[in-house]
């Protein structure tokens, strides 16, 4: 986890999660995100626009939408 990539944090079910935008440190990973619980990566997700060339990319979704996507990605990884 690179603190300069962290764009948001949220709490869910007593845990704190961080959302990192991997494209901050590595532009070819624009639109790709990793979700961490503490120092452990627990999920990842991408926005569809990450496939577009830079000049055709729309703005990233807002923090609220990214948080919802992160929650979904974490839930999808939960083995329960």
PDB file of N, CA and C in Angstrom:
ATOM      1  N   UNK A   1       0.860  -1.175   0.000  1.00  0.00           N
ATOM      2  CA  UNK A   1       0.000   0.000   0.000  1.00  0.00           C
ATOM      3  C   UNK A   1       0.903   1.233   0.000  1.00  0.00           C
ATOM      4  N   UNK A   2       0.637   2.136  -0.887  1.00  0.00           N
ATOM      5  CA  UNK A   2       1.387   3.381  -0.985  1.00  0.00           C
ATOM      6  C   UNK A   2       0.488   4.511  -0.514  1.00  0.00           C
ATOM      7  N   UNK A   3       0.814   5.171   0.607  1.00  0.00           N
ATOM      8  CA  UNK A   3      -0.077   6.207   1.145  1.00  0.00           C
ATOM      9  C   UNK A   3      -0.404   7.312   0.150  1.00  0.00           C
ATOM     10  N   UNK A   4       0.477   7.578  -0.806  1.00  0.00           N
ATOM     11  CA  UNK A   4       0.192   8.634  -1.770  1.00  0.00           C
ATOM     12  C   UNK A   4      -0.884   8.217  -2.766  1.00  0.00           C
ATOM     13  N   UNK A   5      -1.208   6.944  -2.828  1.00  0.00           N
ATOM     14  CA  UNK A   5      -2.251   6.453  -3.725  1.00  0.00           C
ATOM     15  C   UNK A   5      -3.617   6.408  -3.050  1.00  0.00           C
ATOM     16  N   UNK A   6      -3.662   6.539  -1.735  1.00  0.00           N
ATOM     17  CA  UNK A   6      -4.923   6.428  -1.010  1.00  0.00           C
ATOM     18  C   UNK A   6      -5.807   7.628  -1.315  1.00  0.00           C
ATOM     19  N   UNK A   7      -7.006   7.339  -1.837  1.00  0.00           N
ATOM     20  CA  UNK A   7      -7.920   8.422  -2.198  1.00  0.00           C
ATOM     21  C   UNK A   7      -9.118   8.498  -1.267  1.00  0.00           C
ATOM     22  N   UNK A   8      -9.355   7.427  -0.491  1.00  0.00           N
ATOM     23  CA  UNK A   8     -10.499   7.439   0.427  1.00  0.00           C
ATOM     24  C   UNK A   8     -10.335   6.334   1.452  1.00  0.00           C
ATOM     25  N   UNK A   9     -10.974   6.524   2.594  1.00  0.00           N
ATOM     26  CA  UNK A   9     -11.101   5.471   3.594  1.00  0.00           C
ATOM     27  C   UNK A   9     -12.566   5.404   3.999  1.00  0.00           C
ATOM     28  N   UNK A  10     -12.962   4.229   4.454  1.00  0.00           N
ATOM     29  CA  UNK A  10     -14.330   4.064   4.940  1.00  0.00           C
ATOM     30  C   UNK A  10     -14.342   2.970   5.990  1.00  0.00           C
ATOM     31  N   UNK A  11     -15.398   2.960   6.794  1.00  0.00           N
ATOM     32  CA  UNK A  11     -15.577   1.922   7.801  1.00  0.00           C
ATOM     33  C   UNK A  11     -16.784   1.082   7.438  1.00  0.00           C
ATOM     34  N   UNK A  12     -16.660  -0.215   7.691  1.00  0.00           N
ATOM     35  CA  UNK A  12     -17.752  -1.135   7.416  1.00  0.00           C
ATOM     36  C   UNK A  12     -17.621  -2.324   8.364  1.00  0.00           C
ATOM     37  N   UNK A  13     -18.681  -2.646   9.060  1.00  0.00           N
ATOM     38  CA  UNK A  13     -18.702  -3.788   9.984  1.00  0.00           C
ATOM     39  C   UNK A  13     -17.530  -3.770  10.963  1.00  0.00           C
ATOM     40  N   UNK A  14     -17.186  -2.598  11.470  1.00  0.00           N
ATOM     41  CA  UNK A  14     -16.139  -2.488  12.474  1.00  0.00           C
ATOM     42  C   UNK A  14     -14.718  -2.467  11.934  1.00  0.00           C
ATOM     43  N   UNK A  15     -14.543  -2.548  10.626  1.00  0.00           N
ATOM     44  CA  UNK A  15     -13.210  -2.507  10.022  1.00  0.00           C
ATOM     45  C   UNK A  15     -13.038  -1.208   9.241  1.00  0.00           C
ATOM     46  N   UNK A  16     -11.792  -0.753   9.150  1.00  0.00           N
ATOM     47  CA  UNK A  16     -11.474   0.431   8.357  1.00  0.00           C
ATOM     48  C   UNK A  16     -10.759  -0.015   7.092  1.00  0.00           C
ATOM     49  N   UNK A  17     -11.217   0.487   5.969  1.00  0.00           N
ATOM     50  CA  UNK A  17     -10.665   0.137   4.659  1.00  0.00           C
ATOM     51  C   UNK A  17     -10.122   1.384   3.978  1.00  0.00           C
ATOM     52  N   UNK A  18      -9.078   1.198   3.188  1.00  0.00           N
ATOM     53  CA  UNK A  18      -8.503   2.268   2.377  1.00  0.00           C
ATOM     54  C   UNK A  18      -8.652   1.892   0.913  1.00  0.00           C
ATOM     55  N   UNK A  19      -8.965   2.878   0.090  1.00  0.00           N
ATOM     56  CA  UNK A  19      -9.065   2.668  -1.352  1.00  0.00           C
ATOM     57  C   UNK A  19      -7.883   3.379  -1.990  1.00  0.00           C
ATOM     58  N   UNK A  20      -7.049   2.621  -2.694  1.00  0.00           N
ATOM     59  CA  UNK A  20      -5.900   3.187  -3.391  1.00  0.00           C
ATOM     60  C   UNK A  20      -6.167   3.211  -4.887  1.00  0.00           C
ATOM     61  N   UNK A  21      -5.894   4.344  -5.520  1.00  0.00           N
ATOM     62  CA  UNK A  21      -5.960   4.438  -6.979  1.00  0.00           C
ATOM     63  C   UNK A  21      -4.561   4.133  -7.499  1.00  0.00           C
ATOM     64  N   UNK A  22      -4.399   2.959  -8.095  1.00  0.00           N
ATOM     65  CA  UNK A  22      -3.082   2.514  -8.533  1.00  0.00           C
ATOM     66  C   UNK A  22      -2.516   3.391  -9.641  1.00  0.00           C
ATOM     67  N   UNK A  23      -3.383   4.102 -10.353  1.00  0.00           N
ATOM     68  CA  UNK A  23      -2.950   4.959 -11.448  1.00  0.00           C
ATOM     69  C   UNK A  23      -2.221   6.210 -11.011  1.00  0.00           C
ATOM     70  N   UNK A  24      -2.233   6.540  -9.725  1.00  0.00           N
ATOM     71  CA  UNK A  24      -1.514   7.728  -9.258  1.00  0.00           C
ATOM     72  C   UNK A  24      -0.010   7.513  -9.403  1.00  0.00           C
ATOM     73  N   UNK A  25       0.472   6.368  -8.959  1.00  0.00           N
ATOM     74  CA  UNK A  25       1.905   6.081  -9.034  1.00  0.00           C
ATOM     75  C   UNK A  25       2.296   5.439 -10.360  1.00  0.00           C
ATOM     76  N   UNK A  26       1.346   4.833 -11.022  1.00  0.00           N
ATOM     77  CA  UNK A  26       1.629   4.110 -12.267  1.00  0.00           C
ATOM     78  C   UNK A  26       0.526   4.448 -13.278  1.00  0.00           C
ATOM     79  N   UNK A  27       0.724   5.454 -14.123  1.00  0.00           N
ATOM     80  CA  UNK A  27      -0.338   5.929 -15.009  1.00  0.00           C
ATOM     81  C   UNK A  27      -0.980   4.861 -15.893  1.00  0.00           C
ATOM     82  N   UNK A  28      -0.249   3.799 -16.230  1.00  0.00           N
ATOM     83  CA  UNK A  28      -0.874   2.762 -17.052  1.00  0.00           C
ATOM     84  C   UNK A  28      -1.859   1.911 -16.248  1.00  0.00           C
ATOM     85  N   UNK A  29      -2.005   2.172 -14.949  1.00  0.00           N
ATOM     86  CA  UNK A  29      -3.016   1.499 -14.130  1.00  0.00           C
ATOM     87  C   UNK A  29      -4.152   2.459 -13.769  1.00  0.00           C
ATOM     88  N   UNK A  30      -4.334   3.502 -14.578  1.00  0.00           N
ATOM     89  CA  UNK A  30      -5.410   4.467 -14.359  1.00  0.00           C
ATOM     90  C   UNK A  30      -6.741   3.727 -14.289  1.00  0.00           C
ATOM     91  N   UNK A  31      -7.555   4.057 -13.309  1.00  0.00           N
ATOM     92  CA  UNK A  31      -8.867   3.440 -13.170  1.00  0.00           C
ATOM     93  C   UNK A  31      -8.862   2.100 -12.461  1.00  0.00           C
ATOM     94  N   UNK A  32      -7.697   1.659 -11.993  1.00  0.00           N
ATOM     95  CA  UNK A  32      -7.591   0.410 -11.239  1.00  0.00           C
ATOM     96  C   UNK A  32      -7.389   0.757  -9.765  1.00  0.00           C
ATOM     97  N   UNK A  33      -8.089   0.029  -8.904  1.00  0.00           N
ATOM     98  CA  UNK A  33      -8.099   0.336  -7.481  1.00  0.00           C
ATOM     99  C   UNK A  33      -7.822  -0.921  -6.663  1.00  0.00           C
ATOM    100  N   UNK A  34      -7.156  -0.737  -5.529  1.00  0.00           N
ATOM    101  CA  UNK A  34      -6.943  -1.800  -4.556  1.00  0.00           C
ATOM    102  C   UNK A  34      -7.591  -1.360  -3.249  1.00  0.00           C
ATOM    103  N   UNK A  35      -8.160  -2.324  -2.541  1.00  0.00           N
ATOM    104  CA  UNK A  35      -8.804  -2.048  -1.257  1.00  0.00           C
ATOM    105  C   UNK A  35      -7.994  -2.763  -0.177  1.00  0.00           C
ATOM    106  N   UNK A  36      -7.652  -2.016   0.854  1.00  0.00           N
ATOM    107  CA  UNK A  36      -6.852  -2.548   1.954  1.00  0.00           C
ATOM    108  C   UNK A  36      -7.619  -2.474   3.259  1.00  0.00           C
ATOM    109  N   UNK A  37      -7.428  -3.513   4.056  1.00  0.00           N
ATOM    110  CA  UNK A  37      -7.848  -3.500   5.458  1.00  0.00           C
ATOM    111  C   UNK A  37      -6.547  -3.511   6.246  1.00  0.00           C
ATOM    112  N   UNK A  38      -6.200  -2.382   6.826  1.00  0.00           N
ATOM    113  CA  UNK A  38      -4.876  -2.246   7.433  1.00  0.00           C
ATOM    114  C   UNK A  38      -3.831  -2.278   6.331  1.00  0.00           C
ATOM    115  N   UNK A  39      -2.853  -3.150   6.464  1.00  0.00           N
ATOM    116  CA  UNK A  39      -1.789  -3.274   5.458  1.00  0.00           C
ATOM    117  C   UNK A  39      -2.071  -4.382   4.444  1.00  0.00           C
ATOM    118  N   UNK A  40      -3.158  -5.123   4.626  1.00  0.00           N
ATOM    119  CA  UNK A  40      -3.454  -6.269   3.764  1.00  0.00           C
ATOM    120  C   UNK A  40      -4.427  -5.899   2.652  1.00  0.00           C
ATOM    121  N   UNK A  41      -4.023  -6.199   1.409  1.00  0.00           N
ATOM    122  CA  UNK A  41      -4.938  -5.986   0.291  1.00  0.00           C
ATOM    123  C   UNK A  41      -6.011  -7.063   0.344  1.00  0.00           C
ATOM    124  N   UNK A  42      -7.278  -6.639   0.324  1.00  0.00           N
ATOM    125  CA  UNK A  42      -8.380  -7.585   0.444  1.00  0.00           C
ATOM    126  C   UNK A  42      -9.235  -7.665  -0.817  1.00  0.00           C
ATOM    127  N   UNK A  43      -9.097  -6.709  -1.719  1.00  0.00           N
ATOM    128  CA  UNK A  43      -9.891  -6.734  -2.951  1.00  0.00           C
ATOM    129  C   UNK A  43      -9.301  -5.748  -3.951  1.00  0.00           C
ATOM    130  N   UNK A  44      -9.754  -5.872  -5.181  1.00  0.00           N
ATOM    131  CA  UNK A  44      -9.398  -4.905  -6.216  1.00  0.00           C
ATOM    132  C   UNK A  44     -10.568  -4.771  -7.174  1.00  0.00           C
ATOM    133  N   UNK A  45     -10.615  -3.646  -7.852  1.00  0.00           N
ATOM    134  CA  UNK A  45     -11.655  -3.419  -8.852  1.00  0.00           C
ATOM    135  C   UNK A  45     -11.157  -2.364  -9.825  1.00  0.00           C
ATOM    136  N   UNK A  46     -11.841  -2.250 -10.951  1.00  0.00           N
ATOM    137  CA  UNK A  46     -11.480  -1.256 -11.964  1.00  0.00           C
ATOM    138  C   UNK A  46     -12.744  -0.619 -12.511  1.00  0.00           C
ATOM    139  N   UNK A  47     -12.605   0.598 -12.979  1.00  0.00           N
ATOM    140  CA  UNK A  47     -13.712   1.243 -13.680  1.00  0.00           C
ATOM    141  C   UNK A  47     -13.546   0.923 -15.161  1.00  0.00           C
ATOM    142  N   UNK A  48     -14.652   0.757 -15.853  1.00  0.00           N
ATOM    143  CA  UNK A  48     -14.611   0.354 -17.259  1.00  0.00           C
ATOM    144  C   UNK A  48     -13.799   1.325 -18.106  1.00  0.00           C
ATOM    145  N   UNK A  49     -13.803   2.584 -17.753  1.00  0.00           N
ATOM    146  CA  UNK A  49     -13.094   3.593 -18.539  1.00  0.00           C
ATOM    147  C   UNK A  49     -11.584   3.386 -18.532  1.00  0.00           C
ATOM    148  N   UNK A  50     -11.078   2.493 -17.669  1.00  0.00           N
ATOM    149  CA  UNK A  50      -9.636   2.266 -17.625  1.00  0.00           C
ATOM    150  C   UNK A  50      -9.126   1.679 -18.931  1.00  0.00           C
ATOM    151  N   UNK A  51     -10.030   1.166 -19.774  1.00  0.00           N
ATOM    152  CA  UNK A  51      -9.634   0.589 -21.054  1.00  0.00           C
ATOM    153  C   UNK A  51      -9.446   1.641 -22.137  1.00  0.00           C
ATOM    154  N   UNK A  52      -9.938   2.852 -21.923  1.00  0.00           N
ATOM    155  CA  UNK A  52      -9.854   3.909 -22.924  1.00  0.00           C
ATOM    156  C   UNK A  52      -8.462   4.539 -22.959  1.00  0.00           C
ATOM    157  N   UNK A  53      -8.113   5.085 -24.105  1.00  0.00           N
ATOM    158  CA  UNK A  53      -6.888   5.872 -24.200  1.00  0.00           C
ATOM    159  C   UNK A  53      -7.032   7.115 -23.325  1.00  0.00           C
ATOM    160  N   UNK A  54      -5.930   7.619 -22.787  1.00  0.00           N
ATOM    161  CA  UNK A  54      -6.018   8.759 -21.857  1.00  0.00           C
ATOM    162  C   UNK A  54      -6.852   9.929 -22.365  1.00  0.00           C
ATOM    163  N   UNK A  55      -6.753  10.246 -23.622  1.00  0.00           N
ATOM    164  CA  UNK A  55      -7.485  11.406 -24.132  1.00  0.00           C
ATOM    165  C   UNK A  55      -8.989  11.166 -24.245  1.00  0.00           C
ATOM    166  N   UNK A  56      -9.440   9.920 -24.089  1.00  0.00           N
ATOM    167  CA  UNK A  56     -10.861   9.594 -24.199  1.00  0.00           C
ATOM    168  C   UNK A  56     -11.492   9.176 -22.869  1.00  0.00           C
ATOM    169  N   UNK A  57     -10.730   9.199 -21.798  1.00  0.00           N
ATOM    170  CA  UNK A  57     -11.242   8.763 -20.499  1.00  0.00           C
ATOM    171  C   UNK A  57     -12.151   9.821 -19.884  1.00  0.00           C
ATOM    172  N   UNK A  58     -13.289   9.382 -19.373  1.00  0.00           N
ATOM    173  CA  UNK A  58     -14.127  10.313 -18.613  1.00  0.00           C
ATOM    174  C   UNK A  58     -13.518  10.503 -17.218  1.00  0.00           C
ATOM    175  N   UNK A  59     -13.991  11.469 -16.454  1.00  0.00           N
ATOM    176  CA  UNK A  59     -13.494  11.621 -15.082  1.00  0.00           C
ATOM    177  C   UNK A  59     -13.788  10.359 -14.263  1.00  0.00           C
ATOM    178  N   UNK A  60     -12.972  10.120 -13.268  1.00  0.00           N
ATOM    179  CA  UNK A  60     -13.228   8.997 -12.365  1.00  0.00           C
ATOM    180  C   UNK A  60     -14.535   9.232 -11.620  1.00  0.00           C
ATOM    181  N   UNK A  61     -15.198   8.146 -11.216  1.00  0.00           N
ATOM    182  CA  UNK A  61     -16.400   8.312 -10.388  1.00  0.00           C
ATOM    183  C   UNK A  61     -16.044   9.040  -9.088  1.00  0.00           C
ATOM    184  N   UNK A  62     -17.046   9.610  -8.446  1.00  0.00           N
ATOM    185  CA  UNK A  62     -16.847  10.290  -7.176  1.00  0.00           C
ATOM    186  C   UNK A  62     -16.530   9.317  -6.050  1.00  0.00           C
ATOM    187  N   UNK A  63     -16.116   9.868  -4.928  1.00  0.00           N
ATOM    188  CA  UNK A  63     -15.723   9.057  -3.774  1.00  0.00           C
ATOM    189  C   UNK A  63     -16.866   8.164  -3.304  1.00  0.00           C
ATOM    190  N   UNK A  64     -18.094   8.661  -3.295  1.00  0.00           N
ATOM    191  CA  UNK A  64     -19.223   7.836  -2.842  1.00  0.00           C
ATOM    192  C   UNK A  64     -19.385   6.600  -3.718  1.00  0.00           C
ATOM    193  N   UNK A  65     -19.309   6.774  -5.031  1.00  0.00           N
ATOM    194  CA  UNK A  65     -19.446   5.623  -5.933  1.00  0.00           C
ATOM    195  C   UNK A  65     -18.260   4.676  -5.804  1.00  0.00           C
ATOM    196  N   UNK A  66     -17.053   5.214  -5.684  1.00  0.00           N
ATOM    197  CA  UNK A  66     -15.884   4.351  -5.511  1.00  0.00           C
ATOM    198  C   UNK A  66     -15.974   3.565  -4.209  1.00  0.00           C
ATOM    199  N   UNK A  67     -16.483   4.192  -3.154  1.00  0.00           N
ATOM    200  CA  UNK A  67     -16.659   3.488  -1.884  1.00  0.00           C
ATOM    201  C   UNK A  67     -17.655   2.348  -2.038  1.00  0.00           C
ATOM    202  N   UNK A  68     -18.748   2.575  -2.738  1.00  0.00           N
ATOM    203  CA  UNK A  68     -19.727   1.499  -2.967  1.00  0.00           C
ATOM    204  C   UNK A  68     -19.106   0.366  -3.777  1.00  0.00           C
ATOM    205  N   UNK A  69     -18.320   0.702  -4.782  1.00  0.00           N
ATOM    206  CA  UNK A  69     -17.649  -0.334  -5.580  1.00  0.00           C
ATOM    207  C   UNK A  69     -16.654  -1.109  -4.727  1.00  0.00           C
ATOM    208  N   UNK A  70     -15.950  -0.405  -3.839  1.00  0.00           N
ATOM    209  CA  UNK A  70     -15.002  -1.072  -2.949  1.00  0.00           C
ATOM    210  C   UNK A  70     -15.728  -2.030  -2.007  1.00  0.00           C
ATOM    211  N   UNK A  71     -16.842  -1.595  -1.446  1.00  0.00           N
ATOM    212  CA  UNK A  71     -17.620  -2.462  -0.554  1.00  0.00           C
ATOM    213  C   UNK A  71     -18.082  -3.713  -1.291  1.00  0.00           C
ATOM    214  N   UNK A  72     -18.518  -3.553  -2.523  1.00  0.00           N
ATOM    215  CA  UNK A  72     -18.951  -4.702  -3.324  1.00  0.00           C
ATOM    216  C   UNK A  72     -17.775  -5.635  -3.593  1.00  0.00           C
ATOM    217  N   UNK A  73     -16.622  -5.074  -3.943  1.00  0.00           N
ATOM    218  CA  UNK A  73     -15.443  -5.894  -4.219  1.00  0.00           C
ATOM    219  C   UNK A  73     -15.018  -6.675  -2.982  1.00  0.00           C
ATOM    220  N   UNK A  74     -15.059  -6.034  -1.816  1.00  0.00           N
ATOM    221  CA  UNK A  74     -14.701  -6.724  -0.570  1.00  0.00           C
ATOM    222  C   UNK A  74     -15.711  -7.828  -0.279  1.00  0.00           C
ATOM    223  N   UNK A  75     -16.990  -7.540  -0.428  1.00  0.00           N
ATOM    224  CA  UNK A  75     -18.031  -8.545  -0.170  1.00  0.00           C
ATOM    225  C   UNK A  75     -17.886  -9.734  -1.110  1.00  0.00           C
ATOM    226  N   UNK A  76     -17.503  -9.477  -2.356  1.00  0.00           N
ATOM    227  CA  UNK A  76     -17.322 -10.561  -3.328  1.00  0.00           C
ATOM    228  C   UNK A  76     -16.157 -11.465  -2.959  1.00  0.00           C
ATOM    229  N   UNK A  77     -15.195 -10.964  -2.165  1.00  0.00           N
ATOM    230  CA  UNK A  77     -14.038 -11.752  -1.739  1.00  0.00           C
ATOM    231  C   UNK A  77     -14.305 -12.529  -0.456  1.00  0.00           C
ATOM    232  N   UNK A  78     -15.366 -12.174   0.255  1.00  0.00           N
ATOM    233  CA  UNK A  78     -15.686 -12.794   1.544  1.00  0.00           C
ATOM    234  C   UNK A  78     -16.106 -14.243   1.320  1.00  0.00           C
ATOM    235  N   UNK A  79     -15.367 -15.219   1.889  1.00  0.00           N
ATOM    236  CA  UNK A  79     -15.682 -16.632   1.652  1.00  0.00           C
ATOM    237  C   UNK A  79     -16.935 -17.133   2.367  1.00  0.00           C
ATOM    238  N   UNK A  80     -17.546 -16.294   3.211  1.00  0.00           N
ATOM    239  CA  UNK A  80     -18.716 -16.763   3.966  1.00  0.00           C
ATOM    240  C   UNK A  80     -19.869 -16.974   3.092  1.00  0.00           C
TER     241      UNK A  80
END
